C-alpha cells in the first residue's frame, strides 16, 4: 500500500522543495487499494499508472489464449487525500469457452505539480 496521509497544507512543488518534502513517489498497488498523496490534495499531484502484467502465461501452451478486456483507472477519494485504483482484465484460456476476470498489479508514479 502507498504512503499515509500527511497533515501538510496544500502547496506547490517549489514550496515543497524548500521545506524538504518529497516531490515524487513510486510504488505498486492492486485492484481496490488506495494511494495517498504525501502532502496536500490530489489536485497538487500528477498520477501515472502502468500495468505490471496482464493475463497469465500457460506453461507449454502457445495456442489461442486471449486477453478479452483490460481496464485501469484511479478515482479521487472524497476527501482529496489520494486515489482508489481499479484494475482488472478478462482472459480466456485456449481450452475454455468462458473467460474469467483476473486482477492486475499496477505500478504508479506520483509527481507534484
Protein backbone atom coordinates (compact mmCIF):
# COMPACT_ATOMS: atom_id res chain seq x y z
CA UNK A 1 0.00 0.00 0.00
CA UNK A 2 1.12 3.58 -0.57
CA UNK A 3 2.10 6.31 1.87
CA UNK A 4 -0.09 7.56 4.68
CA UNK A 5 -1.81 10.93 4.53
CA UNK A 6 0.20 13.97 5.67
CA UNK A 7 -1.22 16.94 7.54
CA UNK A 8 0.82 19.40 5.41
CA UNK A 9 -1.35 22.13 3.86
CA UNK A 10 -1.80 22.33 0.09
CA UNK A 11 1.24 23.88 -1.62
CA UNK A 12 3.11 23.79 -4.90
CA UNK A 13 6.28 21.88 -5.76
CA UNK A 14 8.58 24.88 -5.27
CA UNK A 15 7.45 25.35 -1.66
CA UNK A 16 7.64 21.60 -1.03
CA UNK A 17 11.29 21.52 -2.18
CA UNK A 18 12.14 24.43 0.11
CA UNK A 19 10.57 22.56 3.04
CA UNK A 20 12.44 19.36 2.17
CA UNK A 21 9.27 17.41 1.34
CA UNK A 22 9.09 14.69 -1.31
CA UNK A 23 8.02 15.77 -4.79
CA UNK A 24 7.67 12.31 -6.30
CA UNK A 25 6.82 8.82 -5.15
CA UNK A 26 6.51 5.44 -6.86
CA UNK A 27 5.16 2.07 -5.83
CA UNK A 28 2.82 -0.82 -6.57
CA UNK A 29 -0.86 -1.35 -5.80
CA UNK A 30 -3.54 -3.93 -6.53
CA UNK A 31 -7.17 -3.54 -7.53
CA UNK A 32 -9.15 -1.74 -4.82
CA UNK A 33 -6.13 -0.40 -2.92
CA UNK A 34 -5.60 3.29 -2.23
CA UNK A 35 -2.68 5.61 -2.96
CA UNK A 36 -2.30 8.59 -0.61
CA UNK A 37 -0.52 11.83 -1.50
CA UNK A 38 2.41 12.68 0.84
CA UNK A 39 1.16 16.28 1.30
CA UNK A 40 -1.65 18.48 0.01
CA UNK A 41 -4.52 17.16 -2.05
CA UNK A 42 -4.76 15.21 -5.32
CA UNK A 43 -5.10 18.49 -7.23
CA UNK A 44 -1.41 19.17 -6.38
CA UNK A 45 -0.22 15.88 -7.93
CA UNK A 46 0.02 14.12 -11.29
CA UNK A 47 -0.59 10.37 -11.17
CA UNK A 48 0.68 7.90 -13.79
CA UNK A 49 -0.44 4.26 -13.78
CA UNK A 50 1.07 1.34 -15.68
CA UNK A 51 0.16 -2.36 -15.57
CA UNK A 52 2.90 -4.66 -14.26
CA UNK A 53 1.42 -7.68 -16.04
CA UNK A 54 -1.86 -8.54 -17.72
CA UNK A 55 -3.27 -12.04 -18.18
CA UNK A 56 -1.35 -15.22 -17.46
CA UNK A 57 1.23 -17.44 -19.13
CA UNK A 58 0.18 -21.08 -19.52
CA UNK A 59 3.34 -23.17 -19.40
CA UNK A 60 3.72 -25.25 -22.56
CA UNK A 61 0.73 -23.68 -24.32
CA UNK A 62 1.01 -21.20 -27.17
CA UNK A 63 -2.46 -21.86 -28.58
CA UNK A 64 -5.16 -19.20 -28.69
CA UNK A 65 -5.27 -17.70 -25.19
CA UNK A 66 -6.96 -14.32 -25.46
CA UNK A 67 -6.98 -11.10 -23.50
CA UNK A 68 -10.62 -10.09 -23.88
CA UNK A 69 -10.65 -6.81 -21.97
CA UNK A 70 -8.36 -4.67 -19.84
CA UNK A 71 -9.14 -1.67 -17.66
CA UNK A 72 -7.29 0.54 -15.20
CA UNK A 73 -8.31 3.80 -13.51
CA UNK A 74 -7.85 5.91 -10.39
CA UNK A 75 -10.79 7.62 -8.66
CA UNK A 76 -10.04 10.52 -6.29
CA UNK A 77 -11.11 9.85 -2.69
CA UNK A 78 -13.88 12.10 -1.38
CA UNK A 79 -11.56 13.97 0.99
CA UNK A 80 -8.92 14.56 -1.73
CA UNK A 81 -6.19 12.70 0.18
CA UNK A 82 -5.48 10.18 -2.58
CA UNK A 83 -6.97 7.80 -5.16
CA UNK A 84 -8.60 4.38 -5.22
CA UNK A 85 -7.19 2.22 -8.01
CA UNK A 86 -9.33 -0.10 -10.15
CA UNK A 87 -7.59 -2.60 -12.41
CA UNK A 88 -8.74 -5.86 -13.96
CA UNK A 89 -8.53 -7.94 -17.09
CA UNK A 90 -10.79 -10.52 -18.71
CA UNK A 91 -8.82 -13.50 -20.01
CA UNK A 92 -9.91 -16.61 -21.93
CA UNK A 93 -7.79 -19.76 -21.91
CA UNK A 94 -7.43 -21.67 -25.18
CA UNK A 95 -9.38 -24.67 -23.88
CA UNK A 96 -12.27 -22.77 -22.28
CA UNK A 97 -15.43 -21.21 -23.67
CA UNK A 98 -15.82 -18.80 -20.76
CA UNK A 99 -13.44 -16.04 -19.77
CA UNK A 100 -12.51 -15.11 -16.22
CA UNK A 101 -11.61 -11.84 -14.56
CA UNK A 102 -8.03 -11.60 -13.32
CA UNK A 103 -6.58 -8.90 -11.05
CA UNK A 104 -3.90 -6.63 -12.46
CA UNK A 105 -0.96 -5.36 -10.39
CA UNK A 106 -0.30 -1.68 -11.11
CA UNK A 107 2.83 0.44 -10.81
CA UNK A 108 2.27 4.12 -10.03
CA UNK A 109 4.29 7.32 -10.15
CA UNK A 110 3.12 10.50 -8.40
CA UNK A 111 4.83 13.78 -9.23
CA UNK A 112 3.99 17.10 -7.58
CA UNK A 113 2.68 19.77 -9.97
